[in-house]
Amino acid sequence: MSLKISVELTFSPLMDDFEEPIQQFIKKLRASALTVKENPLSTQVYGDYDQVMDLINTEMKFALSNVDCGLMYMKIVKTDRSDYEPDF
């Protein structure tokens, strides 16, 4: 049985030159075979639990290891919400 999830990530490097680490993090997520969407405040990754969490584990560690100090916020929903469309 495949467990589908949706994960929302916000990476906040605590440094003056914060844009490059964020862009690098998003580009590495995009390079995966998973569905990845961005908005100005966060990045969402959708797919099978094990695949999503493996990717996030690897890329969060890489992103955080490349900044002196940073925050990573994560929300997980137990369903694939990649096709969500607002109805208002």
Protein backbone atom coordinates (compact mmCIF):
# COMPACT_ATOMS: atom_id res chain seq x y z
CA MET A 1 0.00 0.00 0.00
CA SER A 2 1.31 3.41 -0.96
CA LEU A 3 0.90 6.26 1.52
CA LYS A 4 0.61 9.59 -0.31
CA ILE A 5 1.62 12.83 1.41
CA SER A 6 1.91 16.54 0.74
CA VAL A 7 4.73 18.42 2.44
CA GLU A 8 5.08 22.18 2.73
CA LEU A 9 8.61 23.46 3.35
CA THR A 10 9.92 26.91 4.18
CA PHE A 11 13.70 27.33 4.33
CA SER A 12 14.91 30.50 6.05
CA PRO A 13 18.68 30.98 6.15
CA LEU A 14 19.50 33.50 8.88
CA MET A 15 22.02 35.53 6.91
CA ASP A 16 22.18 38.61 4.71
CA ASP A 17 22.76 36.69 1.45
CA PHE A 18 19.82 34.29 1.89
CA GLU A 19 18.53 34.00 -1.69
CA GLU A 20 21.20 31.66 -3.14
CA PRO A 21 20.77 28.87 -0.52
CA ILE A 22 16.98 28.97 -0.96
CA GLN A 23 17.21 28.83 -4.75
CA GLN A 24 19.71 25.96 -4.58
CA PHE A 25 17.39 24.03 -2.22
CA ILE A 26 14.38 24.50 -4.51
CA LYS A 27 16.34 23.54 -7.64
CA LYS A 28 17.48 20.30 -6.00
CA LEU A 29 13.89 19.46 -5.06
CA ARG A 30 12.73 20.25 -8.62
CA ALA A 31 15.36 17.86 -10.03
CA SER A 32 13.60 14.92 -8.37
CA ALA A 33 10.90 12.84 -10.07
CA LEU A 34 8.34 14.11 -7.54
CA THR A 35 5.76 16.85 -8.02
CA VAL A 36 7.18 20.12 -6.65
CA LYS A 37 5.35 23.46 -6.58
CA GLU A 38 6.48 26.82 -5.24
CA ASN A 39 4.88 30.02 -4.10
CA PRO A 40 6.53 33.13 -2.60
CA LEU A 41 6.44 31.72 0.95
CA SER A 42 6.98 27.97 0.63
CA THR A 43 7.68 24.95 -1.53
CA GLN A 44 5.40 21.91 -1.67
CA VAL A 45 6.47 18.36 -2.45
CA TYR A 46 3.90 15.67 -3.26
CA GLY A 47 4.09 11.92 -3.64
CA ASP A 48 4.74 8.60 -1.93
CA TYR A 49 5.71 8.96 1.74
CA ASP A 50 9.04 7.11 1.50
CA GLN A 51 10.15 8.91 -1.65
CA VAL A 52 9.18 12.36 -0.36
CA MET A 53 10.75 11.85 3.05
CA ASP A 54 13.96 10.39 1.56
CA LEU A 55 14.29 13.42 -0.71
CA ILE A 56 13.52 15.89 2.06
CA ASN A 57 15.91 14.19 4.47
CA THR A 58 18.77 14.40 1.98
CA GLU A 59 18.10 17.91 0.71
CA MET A 60 17.31 19.46 4.13
CA LYS A 61 20.59 18.13 5.49
CA PHE A 62 22.48 19.50 2.48
CA ALA A 63 20.75 22.91 2.66
CA LEU A 64 21.23 23.34 6.40
CA SER A 65 24.85 22.21 6.27
CA ASN A 66 25.60 25.00 3.78
CA VAL A 67 24.47 27.90 6.01
CA ASP A 68 25.82 29.03 9.37
CA CYS A 69 22.32 29.29 10.85
CA GLY A 70 18.91 28.59 9.37
CA LEU A 71 15.36 27.50 10.02
CA MET A 72 13.39 24.82 8.20
CA TYR A 73 9.62 24.71 8.68
CA MET A 74 7.73 21.62 7.57
CA LYS A 75 4.05 20.65 7.47
CA ILE A 76 2.87 17.21 6.40
CA VAL A 77 -0.62 16.28 5.20
CA LYS A 78 -1.61 12.64 4.73
CA THR A 79 -2.86 12.89 1.16
CA ASP A 80 -1.60 14.09 -2.22
CA ARG A 81 -3.02 17.62 -2.55
CA SER A 82 -1.11 18.49 -5.73
CA ASP A 83 -4.36 18.94 -7.67
CA TYR A 84 -5.89 21.37 -5.13
CA GLU A 85 -7.72 24.32 -6.67
CA PRO A 86 -9.29 27.02 -4.48
CA ASP A 87 -13.07 27.21 -4.87
CA PHE A 88 -13.55 30.84 -3.89
